[in-house]
Amino acid sequence: MARSMHDGITKLAEEGDEEGVRRMLDEGVPVDTIDNGRFNVTPLQVAAQASRLEIVKVLLAAGANVNHFDHDDFSPVTAAARAGKWSVVRVLAEHGGDFRKYDSHGKSGHDYLRRCRGKRNRAAIEAALEAREIPDLEQP
């Protein structure tokens, strides 16, 4: 079976191959490519969940959709927060990540944020959300 030129950007993002991700983006691979339609995940979501902070930054700079939701209604925010990747969650919050939408487990970004034990990380994430002036942060 022939492979398209964008097959693999998600794998490169998960592995933390910044050079490979940049190369594929430079070659014209869409930043929100879905390599496996069954799961509907983007490179950003995979990189966020794997705590590939530099890849997350590259993808966001290239225009990745910070609020794409997969087949289980996970977004980069909820995927990273569920995995406890708080430095990634902070960057996603600073780039407009939606903390209000619920995933298939009935949890929102706010629910996962309550698990954050690091006071500095939690305060930074909350400050990023407050700076966006989102009314009533606890409501879906």
Protein backbone atom coordinates (compact mmCIF):
# COMPACT_ATOMS: atom_id res chain seq x y z
CA MET A 1 0.00 0.00 0.00
CA ALA A 2 1.39 3.41 -0.95
CA ARG A 3 2.09 5.80 1.89
CA SER A 4 1.27 9.47 1.61
CA MET A 5 3.91 12.08 2.36
CA HIS A 6 2.31 12.92 5.69
CA ASP A 7 2.24 9.38 7.08
CA GLY A 8 4.34 9.44 10.17
CA ILE A 9 4.26 13.03 11.42
CA THR A 10 2.22 11.86 14.39
CA LYS A 11 4.79 9.16 15.14
CA LEU A 12 7.61 11.70 14.87
CA ALA A 13 5.74 14.02 17.23
CA GLU A 14 5.23 11.22 19.75
CA GLU A 15 8.90 10.26 19.58
CA GLY A 16 10.02 13.86 20.08
CA ASP A 17 11.77 14.11 16.70
CA GLU A 18 11.71 17.90 16.39
CA GLU A 19 13.86 17.94 13.24
CA GLY A 20 11.62 15.37 11.57
CA VAL A 21 8.45 17.25 12.48
CA ARG A 22 9.90 20.54 11.21
CA ARG A 23 11.02 18.86 7.99
CA MET A 24 7.59 17.41 7.33
CA LEU A 25 5.89 20.74 8.03
CA ASP A 26 8.39 22.46 5.70
CA GLU A 27 7.50 19.89 3.03
CA GLY A 28 3.87 20.92 3.29
CA VAL A 29 2.40 18.26 5.54
CA PRO A 30 -0.70 19.77 7.20
CA VAL A 31 -0.07 20.50 10.88
CA ASP A 32 -3.36 18.86 11.90
CA THR A 33 -2.84 15.70 9.86
CA ILE A 34 -4.78 12.69 11.06
CA ASP A 35 -2.53 9.68 10.37
CA ASN A 36 -5.05 7.21 11.77
CA GLY A 37 -8.64 8.24 11.15
CA ARG A 38 -9.96 5.61 13.51
CA PHE A 39 -8.68 7.52 16.54
CA ASN A 40 -8.86 11.02 15.04
CA VAL A 41 -5.76 12.25 16.88
CA THR A 42 -3.47 15.01 15.68
CA PRO A 43 0.28 15.30 16.12
CA LEU A 44 -0.34 18.00 18.75
CA GLN A 45 -2.48 15.73 20.90
CA VAL A 46 0.03 12.89 20.72
CA ALA A 47 2.96 15.22 21.50
CA ALA A 48 1.04 16.78 24.40
CA GLN A 49 0.19 13.43 25.95
CA ALA A 50 3.80 12.25 25.54
CA SER A 51 5.11 15.45 27.18
CA ARG A 52 7.06 16.51 24.09
CA LEU A 53 7.06 20.18 25.05
CA GLU A 54 9.33 21.41 22.23
CA ILE A 55 7.25 19.55 19.64
CA VAL A 56 4.09 21.04 21.13
CA LYS A 57 5.60 24.52 20.71
CA VAL A 58 6.63 23.80 17.10
CA LEU A 59 3.16 22.53 16.21
CA LEU A 60 1.41 25.47 17.89
CA ALA A 61 3.71 27.92 16.08
CA ALA A 62 2.74 26.18 12.83
CA GLY A 63 -0.95 26.78 13.58
CA ALA A 64 -2.06 23.48 15.12
CA ASN A 65 -5.63 23.40 16.42
CA VAL A 66 -5.21 23.47 20.19
CA ASN A 67 -8.86 22.44 20.62
CA HIS A 68 -9.15 19.45 18.27
CA PHE A 69 -11.10 16.61 19.88
CA ASP A 70 -10.49 12.93 19.13
CA HIS A 71 -13.06 10.12 18.99
CA ASP A 72 -13.15 9.99 22.80
CA ASP A 73 -13.56 13.76 23.08
CA PHE A 74 -10.01 14.16 24.37
CA SER A 75 -8.22 17.34 23.36
CA PRO A 76 -4.54 18.13 23.72
CA VAL A 77 -5.43 19.78 27.06
CA THR A 78 -7.30 16.82 28.53
CA ALA A 79 -4.86 14.26 27.11
CA ALA A 80 -1.86 16.05 28.65
CA ALA A 81 -3.63 16.85 31.92
CA ARG A 82 -4.88 13.29 32.37
CA ALA A 83 -1.27 12.14 31.92
CA GLY A 84 -0.04 14.76 34.42
CA LYS A 85 2.07 16.68 31.89
CA TRP A 86 1.60 20.06 33.55
CA SER A 87 4.30 22.03 31.70
CA VAL A 88 2.59 21.05 28.46
CA VAL A 89 -0.84 21.91 29.88
CA ARG A 90 0.49 25.36 30.76
CA VAL A 91 1.63 26.03 27.18
CA LEU A 92 -1.71 24.79 25.84
CA ALA A 93 -3.54 27.10 28.27
CA GLU A 94 -1.41 30.01 27.07
CA HIS A 95 -2.42 29.18 23.48
CA GLY A 96 -6.17 29.04 24.05
CA GLY A 97 -6.72 25.44 25.13
CA ASP A 98 -10.34 24.79 26.15
CA PHE A 99 -10.59 23.59 29.75
CA ARG A 100 -14.40 23.51 29.77
CA LYS A 101 -15.23 20.67 27.38
CA TYR A 102 -15.77 17.21 28.85
CA ASP A 103 -14.10 14.07 27.53
CA SER A 104 -15.73 10.63 27.31
CA HIS A 105 -14.77 10.00 30.96
CA GLY A 106 -16.88 12.98 32.02
CA LYS A 107 -13.84 15.07 32.96
CA SER A 108 -12.91 18.56 31.83
CA GLY A 109 -9.53 20.25 31.84
CA HIS A 110 -10.58 21.90 35.10
CA ASP A 111 -11.31 18.50 36.65
CA TYR A 112 -7.86 17.23 35.70
CA LEU A 113 -6.23 20.47 36.87
CA ARG A 114 -7.47 19.72 40.39
CA ARG A 115 -5.04 16.77 40.38
CA CYS A 116 -2.04 19.05 39.85
CA ARG A 117 0.05 18.89 43.03
CA GLY A 118 2.67 21.40 41.90
CA LYS A 119 1.59 24.77 43.25
CA ARG A 120 3.72 26.72 40.77
CA ASN A 121 2.43 24.83 37.74
CA ARG A 122 -1.16 25.05 38.89
CA ALA A 123 -0.87 28.78 39.62
CA ALA A 124 0.73 29.41 36.21
CA ILE A 125 -2.01 27.48 34.41
CA GLU A 126 -4.75 29.27 36.35
CA ALA A 127 -3.08 32.63 35.62
CA ALA A 128 -2.98 31.80 31.91
CA LEU A 129 -6.69 30.98 31.98
CA GLU A 130 -7.54 34.14 33.92
CA ALA A 131 -5.50 36.25 31.49
CA ARG A 132 -7.76 34.99 28.71
CA GLU A 133 -10.73 36.43 30.60
CA ILE A 134 -12.91 33.37 30.16
CA PRO A 135 -16.08 33.92 32.18
CA ASP A 136 -17.15 31.32 34.71
CA LEU A 137 -14.29 28.87 34.21
CA GLU A 138 -16.07 26.03 35.99
CA GLN A 139 -19.03 25.89 33.60
CA PRO A 140 -19.03 23.74 30.45
